[in-house]
C-alpha cells in the first residue's frame, strides 16, 4: 500500500479494475471507418491489416520452439483469442483448421471481416509460406497448411 492512501480506497480500486471490461477504442473506430468507406479506403485498411498479420506471424514464429509446427501455432493462437476452431489432418495433404466461431467471436478480436481476412491470411503465410485462407462450408473460413516435404 502506498503512503498517504487508505486500504479501503485501494481495495475499491482493485474491485473496480476487476469488474471493468478491457477498453477497446480501435475496434469501434475501425468499424465506423469501414461502415460507409469508399473502396480505396477499404483496400488501404486491408493492406495494413495484411502487413500487421505478416509482422505478428513472423514475430510468433521467431519466438516459438523448434518442435511446434505452423498449424499448431495457428490453432493455439485462435483458441487463445476465443475463436473456436477444429483441426483436421489428411494424410499426405496437410492440415486444415476450420474456424467455427460466429461473427461475435470475430468481433471480439477483429473490428470487421474485411480486417480479419487479410490479417489471418498473412499471419498464416508468415507461419508457413504456402498456407492459404479459404472460404469454407456454411460461410466458415478454413486455413489450409499443405503437408511439408
N, C-alpha and C. Protein backbone atom coordinates (compact mmCIF):
# COMPACT_ATOMS: atom_id res chain seq x y z
N UNK A 1 0.85 -1.18 0.00
CA UNK A 1 0.00 0.00 0.00
C UNK A 1 0.89 1.24 0.00
N UNK A 2 0.52 2.22 -0.79
CA UNK A 2 1.30 3.45 -0.85
C UNK A 2 1.08 4.29 0.40
N UNK A 3 2.06 5.09 0.73
CA UNK A 3 1.93 6.01 1.87
C UNK A 3 0.94 7.10 1.50
N UNK A 4 0.07 7.43 2.41
CA UNK A 4 -0.89 8.50 2.18
C UNK A 4 -2.20 8.04 1.57
N UNK A 5 -2.38 6.73 1.35
CA UNK A 5 -3.65 6.23 0.84
C UNK A 5 -4.24 5.29 1.87
N UNK A 6 -5.51 5.03 1.73
CA UNK A 6 -6.15 4.13 2.68
C UNK A 6 -6.34 2.76 2.06
N UNK A 7 -6.42 1.77 2.93
CA UNK A 7 -6.67 0.41 2.48
C UNK A 7 -8.02 0.33 1.76
N UNK A 8 -9.02 0.99 2.32
CA UNK A 8 -10.37 0.96 1.74
C UNK A 8 -10.37 1.52 0.31
N UNK A 9 -9.66 2.59 0.08
CA UNK A 9 -9.59 3.19 -1.26
C UNK A 9 -8.89 2.24 -2.23
N UNK A 10 -7.76 1.68 -1.79
CA UNK A 10 -7.03 0.75 -2.64
C UNK A 10 -7.89 -0.48 -2.96
N UNK A 11 -8.63 -0.97 -1.98
CA UNK A 11 -9.49 -2.12 -2.19
C UNK A 11 -10.59 -1.79 -3.20
N UNK A 12 -11.16 -0.60 -3.13
CA UNK A 12 -12.19 -0.19 -4.09
C UNK A 12 -11.61 -0.11 -5.50
N UNK A 13 -10.40 0.39 -5.62
CA UNK A 13 -9.76 0.46 -6.94
C UNK A 13 -9.53 -0.93 -7.52
N UNK A 14 -9.11 -1.86 -6.68
CA UNK A 14 -8.89 -3.23 -7.14
C UNK A 14 -10.22 -3.84 -7.60
N UNK A 15 -11.28 -3.66 -6.83
CA UNK A 15 -12.59 -4.19 -7.19
C UNK A 15 -13.08 -3.58 -8.50
N UNK A 16 -12.91 -2.27 -8.64
CA UNK A 16 -13.34 -1.60 -9.88
C UNK A 16 -12.55 -2.13 -11.08
N UNK A 17 -11.26 -2.30 -10.91
CA UNK A 17 -10.42 -2.78 -12.01
C UNK A 17 -10.81 -4.18 -12.44
N UNK A 18 -11.21 -5.02 -11.50
CA UNK A 18 -11.62 -6.38 -11.83
C UNK A 18 -12.96 -6.43 -12.53
N UNK A 19 -13.84 -5.49 -12.23
CA UNK A 19 -15.19 -5.53 -12.80
C UNK A 19 -15.29 -4.84 -14.16
N UNK A 20 -14.34 -4.02 -14.51
CA UNK A 20 -14.39 -3.31 -15.79
C UNK A 20 -13.87 -4.20 -16.91
N UNK A 21 -14.49 -4.09 -18.06
CA UNK A 21 -14.01 -4.80 -19.24
C UNK A 21 -12.87 -4.03 -19.86
N UNK A 22 -12.08 -4.73 -20.64
CA UNK A 22 -10.98 -4.10 -21.36
C UNK A 22 -11.56 -3.05 -22.32
N UNK A 23 -10.99 -1.89 -22.33
CA UNK A 23 -11.47 -0.81 -23.18
C UNK A 23 -10.87 -0.95 -24.58
N UNK A 24 -11.72 -1.03 -25.56
CA UNK A 24 -11.29 -1.15 -26.95
C UNK A 24 -11.81 0.04 -27.73
N UNK A 25 -10.92 0.95 -28.04
CA UNK A 25 -11.30 2.13 -28.81
C UNK A 25 -11.09 1.87 -30.30
N UNK A 26 -10.06 1.12 -30.63
CA UNK A 26 -9.71 0.89 -32.04
C UNK A 26 -10.79 0.11 -32.78
N UNK A 27 -11.38 -0.89 -32.14
CA UNK A 27 -12.40 -1.70 -32.81
C UNK A 27 -13.59 -0.88 -33.28
N UNK A 28 -14.26 -0.15 -32.38
CA UNK A 28 -15.38 0.69 -32.83
C UNK A 28 -14.95 1.76 -33.84
N UNK A 29 -13.76 2.28 -33.69
CA UNK A 29 -13.27 3.29 -34.62
C UNK A 29 -13.14 2.72 -36.03
N UNK A 30 -12.54 1.53 -36.15
CA UNK A 30 -12.36 0.90 -37.46
C UNK A 30 -13.72 0.52 -38.04
N UNK A 31 -14.64 0.00 -37.20
CA UNK A 31 -15.98 -0.33 -37.69
C UNK A 31 -16.67 0.91 -38.28
N UNK A 32 -16.54 2.05 -37.60
CA UNK A 32 -17.14 3.29 -38.10
C UNK A 32 -16.49 3.72 -39.42
N UNK A 33 -15.17 3.62 -39.49
CA UNK A 33 -14.46 3.98 -40.72
C UNK A 33 -14.89 3.11 -41.90
N UNK A 34 -15.08 1.82 -41.63
CA UNK A 34 -15.42 0.88 -42.70
C UNK A 34 -16.89 0.89 -43.08
N UNK A 35 -17.74 1.39 -42.19
CA UNK A 35 -19.18 1.33 -42.43
C UNK A 35 -19.56 1.89 -43.80
N UNK A 36 -19.18 3.09 -44.11
CA UNK A 36 -19.52 3.72 -45.39
C UNK A 36 -18.27 4.12 -46.16
N UNK A 37 -17.21 3.37 -45.96
CA UNK A 37 -15.92 3.72 -46.56
C UNK A 37 -15.92 3.48 -48.08
N UNK A 38 -15.24 4.37 -48.79
CA UNK A 38 -15.06 4.14 -50.22
C UNK A 38 -14.12 2.94 -50.42
N UNK A 39 -14.23 2.28 -51.54
CA UNK A 39 -13.41 1.09 -51.81
C UNK A 39 -11.90 1.33 -51.63
N UNK A 40 -11.44 2.52 -51.95
CA UNK A 40 -10.00 2.78 -51.81
C UNK A 40 -9.56 2.74 -50.35
N UNK A 41 -10.40 3.25 -49.44
CA UNK A 41 -10.07 3.21 -48.02
C UNK A 41 -10.12 1.78 -47.50
N UNK A 42 -11.12 1.01 -47.93
CA UNK A 42 -11.23 -0.39 -47.52
C UNK A 42 -9.99 -1.16 -47.98
N UNK A 43 -9.56 -0.92 -49.20
CA UNK A 43 -8.37 -1.59 -49.73
C UNK A 43 -7.12 -1.20 -48.94
N UNK A 44 -7.02 0.06 -48.58
CA UNK A 44 -5.87 0.52 -47.81
C UNK A 44 -5.85 -0.11 -46.42
N UNK A 45 -7.00 -0.19 -45.77
CA UNK A 45 -7.09 -0.83 -44.45
C UNK A 45 -6.76 -2.32 -44.56
N UNK A 46 -7.23 -2.98 -45.61
CA UNK A 46 -6.92 -4.40 -45.82
C UNK A 46 -5.42 -4.61 -46.00
N UNK A 47 -4.77 -3.72 -46.73
CA UNK A 47 -3.31 -3.82 -46.90
C UNK A 47 -2.58 -3.68 -45.57
N UNK A 48 -3.02 -2.74 -44.76
CA UNK A 48 -2.40 -2.54 -43.45
C UNK A 48 -2.63 -3.76 -42.57
N UNK A 49 -3.85 -4.30 -42.58
CA UNK A 49 -4.17 -5.49 -41.79
C UNK A 49 -3.30 -6.67 -42.22
N UNK A 50 -3.10 -6.82 -43.52
CA UNK A 50 -2.25 -7.89 -44.03
C UNK A 50 -0.81 -7.73 -43.59
N UNK A 51 -0.32 -6.51 -43.64
CA UNK A 51 1.06 -6.25 -43.20
C UNK A 51 1.23 -6.54 -41.71
N UNK A 52 0.24 -6.14 -40.91
CA UNK A 52 0.30 -6.40 -39.47
C UNK A 52 0.24 -7.90 -39.19
N UNK A 53 -0.58 -8.62 -39.91
CA UNK A 53 -0.66 -10.07 -39.74
C UNK A 53 0.66 -10.75 -40.06
N UNK A 54 1.30 -10.29 -41.12
CA UNK A 54 2.60 -10.85 -41.50
C UNK A 54 3.66 -10.57 -40.43
N UNK A 55 3.67 -9.34 -39.92
CA UNK A 55 4.62 -8.98 -38.87
C UNK A 55 4.38 -9.78 -37.60
N UNK A 56 3.12 -9.91 -37.20
CA UNK A 56 2.79 -10.64 -35.98
C UNK A 56 3.10 -12.13 -36.13
N UNK A 57 2.81 -12.69 -37.29
CA UNK A 57 3.11 -14.11 -37.54
C UNK A 57 4.60 -14.37 -37.52
N UNK A 58 5.37 -13.49 -38.13
CA UNK A 58 6.83 -13.65 -38.13
C UNK A 58 7.39 -13.54 -36.72
N UNK A 59 6.82 -12.65 -35.92
CA UNK A 59 7.28 -12.49 -34.53
C UNK A 59 6.97 -13.74 -33.72
N UNK A 60 5.78 -14.31 -33.90
CA UNK A 60 5.44 -15.54 -33.18
C UNK A 60 6.36 -16.67 -33.61
N UNK A 61 6.60 -16.80 -34.88
CA UNK A 61 7.46 -17.86 -35.39
C UNK A 61 8.88 -17.74 -34.83
N UNK A 62 9.37 -16.52 -34.73
CA UNK A 62 10.72 -16.29 -34.21
C UNK A 62 10.82 -16.66 -32.73
N UNK A 63 9.74 -16.49 -31.98
CA UNK A 63 9.75 -16.77 -30.54
C UNK A 63 9.40 -18.21 -30.19
N UNK A 64 8.86 -18.96 -31.12
CA UNK A 64 8.36 -20.29 -30.80
C UNK A 64 9.48 -21.34 -30.83
N UNK A 65 9.19 -22.43 -30.15
CA UNK A 65 10.14 -23.53 -30.09
C UNK A 65 10.20 -24.24 -31.44
N UNK A 66 11.31 -24.88 -31.70
CA UNK A 66 11.52 -25.56 -32.99
C UNK A 66 10.49 -26.66 -33.26
N UNK A 67 10.04 -27.37 -32.22
CA UNK A 67 9.15 -28.50 -32.42
C UNK A 67 7.72 -28.15 -32.78
N UNK A 68 7.32 -26.90 -32.61
CA UNK A 68 5.95 -26.51 -32.92
C UNK A 68 5.81 -26.21 -34.41
N UNK A 69 4.82 -26.84 -35.02
CA UNK A 69 4.60 -26.59 -36.44
C UNK A 69 3.59 -25.45 -36.64
N UNK A 70 3.50 -24.97 -37.85
CA UNK A 70 2.65 -23.82 -38.16
C UNK A 70 1.17 -24.05 -37.81
N UNK A 71 0.58 -25.21 -38.17
CA UNK A 71 -0.83 -25.41 -37.81
C UNK A 71 -1.07 -25.40 -36.30
N UNK A 72 -0.15 -25.97 -35.54
CA UNK A 72 -0.30 -25.98 -34.08
C UNK A 72 -0.24 -24.57 -33.52
N UNK A 73 0.70 -23.77 -34.03
CA UNK A 73 0.80 -22.38 -33.59
C UNK A 73 -0.48 -21.61 -33.92
N UNK A 74 -0.99 -21.79 -35.14
CA UNK A 74 -2.18 -21.06 -35.57
C UNK A 74 -3.40 -21.48 -34.77
N UNK A 75 -3.56 -22.78 -34.56
CA UNK A 75 -4.71 -23.27 -33.79
C UNK A 75 -4.65 -22.76 -32.36
N UNK A 76 -3.48 -22.80 -31.76
CA UNK A 76 -3.33 -22.29 -30.40
C UNK A 76 -3.65 -20.82 -30.30
N UNK A 77 -3.21 -20.06 -31.29
CA UNK A 77 -3.47 -18.63 -31.32
C UNK A 77 -4.97 -18.34 -31.43
N UNK A 78 -5.64 -19.04 -32.33
CA UNK A 78 -7.08 -18.83 -32.50
C UNK A 78 -7.84 -19.17 -31.22
N UNK A 79 -7.47 -20.27 -30.58
CA UNK A 79 -8.14 -20.65 -29.34
C UNK A 79 -7.87 -19.65 -28.24
N UNK A 80 -6.64 -19.14 -28.18
CA UNK A 80 -6.30 -18.13 -27.18
C UNK A 80 -7.14 -16.86 -27.39
N UNK A 81 -7.41 -16.52 -28.64
CA UNK A 81 -8.21 -15.34 -28.95
C UNK A 81 -9.69 -15.59 -28.70
N UNK A 82 -10.09 -16.82 -28.45
CA UNK A 82 -11.50 -17.13 -28.21
C UNK A 82 -12.26 -17.46 -29.48
N UNK A 83 -11.54 -17.79 -30.54
CA UNK A 83 -12.19 -18.19 -31.80
C UNK A 83 -12.15 -19.71 -31.87
N UNK A 84 -13.29 -20.37 -31.68
CA UNK A 84 -13.30 -21.83 -31.73
C UNK A 84 -12.89 -22.33 -33.10
N UNK A 85 -12.14 -23.40 -33.11
CA UNK A 85 -11.70 -23.97 -34.38
C UNK A 85 -11.51 -25.47 -34.24
N UNK A 86 -11.41 -26.11 -35.37
CA UNK A 86 -11.25 -27.57 -35.41
C UNK A 86 -10.16 -27.88 -36.41
N UNK A 87 -9.24 -28.72 -36.03
CA UNK A 87 -8.12 -29.08 -36.89
C UNK A 87 -8.35 -30.46 -37.48
N UNK A 88 -8.16 -30.58 -38.79
CA UNK A 88 -8.31 -31.87 -39.47
C UNK A 88 -7.06 -32.14 -40.30
N UNK A 89 -6.55 -33.34 -40.16
CA UNK A 89 -5.37 -33.72 -40.93
C UNK A 89 -5.75 -34.78 -41.94
N UNK A 90 -5.30 -34.58 -43.18
CA UNK A 90 -5.49 -35.56 -44.24
C UNK A 90 -4.10 -36.02 -44.63
N UNK A 91 -3.87 -37.32 -44.51
CA UNK A 91 -2.54 -37.89 -44.79
C UNK A 91 -2.05 -37.47 -46.18
N UNK A 92 -0.86 -36.94 -46.21
CA UNK A 92 -0.23 -36.54 -47.47
C UNK A 92 -0.68 -35.19 -48.00
N UNK A 93 -1.79 -34.66 -47.50
CA UNK A 93 -2.30 -33.38 -48.00
C UNK A 93 -1.99 -32.23 -47.05
N UNK A 94 -2.02 -32.50 -45.75
CA UNK A 94 -1.73 -31.44 -44.79
C UNK A 94 -2.82 -31.29 -43.75
N UNK A 95 -2.84 -30.14 -43.12
CA UNK A 95 -3.77 -29.88 -42.02
C UNK A 95 -4.64 -28.68 -42.39
N UNK A 96 -5.92 -28.80 -42.11
CA UNK A 96 -6.87 -27.71 -42.32
C UNK A 96 -7.47 -27.33 -40.97
N UNK A 97 -7.46 -26.04 -40.69
CA UNK A 97 -8.09 -25.53 -39.47
C UNK A 97 -9.37 -24.82 -39.90
N UNK A 98 -10.49 -25.32 -39.40
CA UNK A 98 -11.79 -24.72 -39.73
C UNK A 98 -12.19 -23.81 -38.58
N UNK A 99 -12.45 -22.56 -38.90
CA UNK A 99 -12.84 -21.58 -37.89
C UNK A 99 -14.33 -21.71 -37.65
N UNK A 100 -14.69 -22.07 -36.42
CA UNK A 100 -16.08 -22.38 -36.08
C UNK A 100 -16.81 -21.20 -35.46
N UNK A 101 -16.10 -20.16 -35.13
CA UNK A 101 -16.70 -19.02 -34.43
C UNK A 101 -17.72 -18.29 -35.26
N UNK A 102 -18.72 -17.75 -34.58
CA UNK A 102 -19.69 -16.92 -35.27
C UNK A 102 -19.14 -15.49 -35.36
N UNK A 103 -19.93 -14.59 -35.88
CA UNK A 103 -19.46 -13.22 -36.07
C UNK A 103 -19.07 -12.55 -34.76
N UNK A 104 -19.75 -12.88 -33.68
CA UNK A 104 -19.43 -12.23 -32.41
C UNK A 104 -18.04 -12.63 -31.93
N UNK A 105 -17.62 -13.87 -32.18
CA UNK A 105 -16.27 -14.29 -31.80
C UNK A 105 -15.23 -13.50 -32.57
N UNK A 106 -15.49 -13.24 -33.84
CA UNK A 106 -14.55 -12.46 -34.66
C UNK A 106 -14.54 -11.00 -34.24
N UNK A 107 -15.70 -10.46 -33.90
CA UNK A 107 -15.75 -9.06 -33.49
C UNK A 107 -14.98 -8.80 -32.19
N UNK A 108 -14.85 -9.82 -31.36
CA UNK A 108 -14.07 -9.67 -30.13
C UNK A 108 -12.59 -9.45 -30.44
N UNK A 109 -12.13 -10.00 -31.57
CA UNK A 109 -10.72 -9.90 -31.93
C UNK A 109 -10.50 -8.88 -33.04
N UNK A 110 -11.37 -8.91 -34.04
CA UNK A 110 -11.22 -8.05 -35.22
C UNK A 110 -12.41 -7.11 -35.33
N UNK A 111 -12.17 -5.94 -35.79
CA UNK A 111 -13.24 -4.96 -35.94
C UNK A 111 -14.24 -5.36 -37.02
N UNK A 112 -13.75 -6.03 -38.05
CA UNK A 112 -14.58 -6.29 -39.22
C UNK A 112 -13.96 -7.45 -39.98
N UNK A 113 -14.78 -8.19 -40.71
CA UNK A 113 -14.26 -9.31 -41.50
C UNK A 113 -13.26 -8.81 -42.55
N UNK A 114 -13.44 -7.58 -43.01
CA UNK A 114 -12.52 -7.03 -44.01
C UNK A 114 -11.15 -6.75 -43.42
N UNK A 115 -11.06 -6.78 -42.11
CA UNK A 115 -9.76 -6.69 -41.41
C UNK A 115 -9.28 -8.10 -41.09
N UNK A 116 -10.20 -8.97 -40.66
CA UNK A 116 -9.85 -10.32 -40.23
C UNK A 116 -9.24 -11.16 -41.36
N UNK A 117 -9.85 -11.11 -42.53
CA UNK A 117 -9.41 -11.98 -43.63
C UNK A 117 -7.96 -11.69 -44.05
N UNK A 118 -7.60 -10.45 -44.37
CA UNK A 118 -6.20 -10.23 -44.76
C UNK A 118 -5.22 -10.45 -43.61
N UNK A 119 -5.65 -10.13 -42.38
CA UNK A 119 -4.77 -10.33 -41.22
C UNK A 119 -4.48 -11.81 -41.04
N UNK A 120 -5.53 -12.64 -40.99
CA UNK A 120 -5.36 -14.07 -40.77
C UNK A 120 -4.61 -14.74 -41.93
N UNK A 121 -4.92 -14.34 -43.15
CA UNK A 121 -4.23 -14.93 -44.31
C UNK A 121 -2.74 -14.64 -44.25
N UNK A 122 -2.37 -13.40 -43.96
CA UNK A 122 -0.96 -13.03 -43.88
C UNK A 122 -0.27 -13.68 -42.69
N UNK A 123 -0.99 -13.79 -41.58
CA UNK A 123 -0.44 -14.42 -40.38
C UNK A 123 -0.09 -15.87 -40.68
N UNK A 124 -1.04 -16.59 -41.31
CA UNK A 124 -0.82 -17.99 -41.64
C UNK A 124 0.34 -18.15 -42.61
N UNK A 125 0.43 -17.28 -43.62
CA UNK A 125 1.54 -17.35 -44.58
C UNK A 125 2.88 -17.04 -43.93
N UNK A 126 2.87 -16.20 -42.91
CA UNK A 126 4.13 -15.93 -42.19
C UNK A 126 4.58 -17.17 -41.43
N UNK A 127 3.63 -17.97 -40.96
CA UNK A 127 3.96 -19.20 -40.24
C UNK A 127 4.40 -20.30 -41.20
N UNK A 128 3.73 -20.38 -42.35
CA UNK A 128 4.07 -21.37 -43.39
C UNK A 128 3.75 -20.74 -44.73
N UNK A 129 4.75 -20.57 -45.55
CA UNK A 129 4.65 -19.78 -46.78
C UNK A 129 3.52 -20.20 -47.71
N UNK A 130 3.20 -21.49 -47.78
CA UNK A 130 2.18 -21.95 -48.72
C UNK A 130 0.80 -22.11 -48.07
N UNK A 131 0.62 -21.61 -46.86
CA UNK A 131 -0.69 -21.66 -46.20
C UNK A 131 -1.67 -20.74 -46.92
N UNK A 132 -2.94 -21.10 -46.85
CA UNK A 132 -3.96 -20.29 -47.52
C UNK A 132 -5.24 -20.23 -46.70
N UNK A 133 -5.85 -19.06 -46.68
CA UNK A 133 -7.14 -18.87 -46.04
C UNK A 133 -8.20 -18.99 -47.13
N UNK A 134 -9.18 -19.86 -46.90
CA UNK A 134 -10.21 -20.12 -47.91
C UNK A 134 -11.59 -20.07 -47.28
N UNK A 135 -12.58 -19.68 -48.08
CA UNK A 135 -13.95 -19.77 -47.55
C UNK A 135 -14.31 -21.23 -47.37
N UNK A 136 -15.00 -21.53 -46.29
CA UNK A 136 -15.37 -22.91 -46.02
C UNK A 136 -16.86 -23.12 -46.17
N UNK A 137 -17.31 -24.31 -45.84
CA UNK A 137 -18.73 -24.65 -45.94
C UNK A 137 -19.53 -23.81 -44.94
N UNK A 138 -20.68 -23.36 -45.36
CA UNK A 138 -21.57 -22.59 -44.49
C UNK A 138 -21.02 -21.22 -44.13
N UNK A 139 -20.16 -20.66 -44.97
CA UNK A 139 -19.61 -19.33 -44.71
C UNK A 139 -18.46 -19.32 -43.73
N UNK A 140 -18.05 -20.48 -43.26
CA UNK A 140 -16.92 -20.55 -42.33
C UNK A 140 -15.62 -20.55 -43.10
N UNK A 141 -14.63 -19.92 -42.49
CA UNK A 141 -13.32 -19.87 -43.12
C UNK A 141 -12.50 -21.09 -42.71
N UNK A 142 -11.55 -21.41 -43.56
CA UNK A 142 -10.62 -22.50 -43.27
C UNK A 142 -9.22 -22.04 -43.62
N UNK A 143 -8.26 -22.46 -42.83
CA UNK A 143 -6.87 -22.17 -43.11
C UNK A 143 -6.21 -23.50 -43.45
N UNK A 144 -5.67 -23.59 -44.67
CA UNK A 144 -5.05 -24.82 -45.13
C UNK A 144 -3.54 -24.70 -45.04
N UNK A 145 -2.95 -25.71 -44.40
CA UNK A 145 -1.50 -25.81 -44.29
C UNK A 145 -1.09 -27.08 -45.05
N UNK A 146 -0.62 -26.95 -46.31
CA UNK A 146 -0.22 -28.15 -47.06
C UNK A 146 0.90 -28.90 -46.34
N UNK A 147 0.94 -30.21 -46.60
CA UNK A 147 1.97 -31.05 -45.98
C UNK A 147 3.35 -30.55 -46.40
N UNK A 148 4.26 -30.56 -45.44
CA UNK A 148 5.63 -30.14 -45.69
C UNK A 148 6.46 -31.36 -46.03
N UNK A 149 7.26 -31.24 -47.07
CA UNK A 149 8.10 -32.37 -47.52
C UNK A 149 9.45 -32.32 -46.89
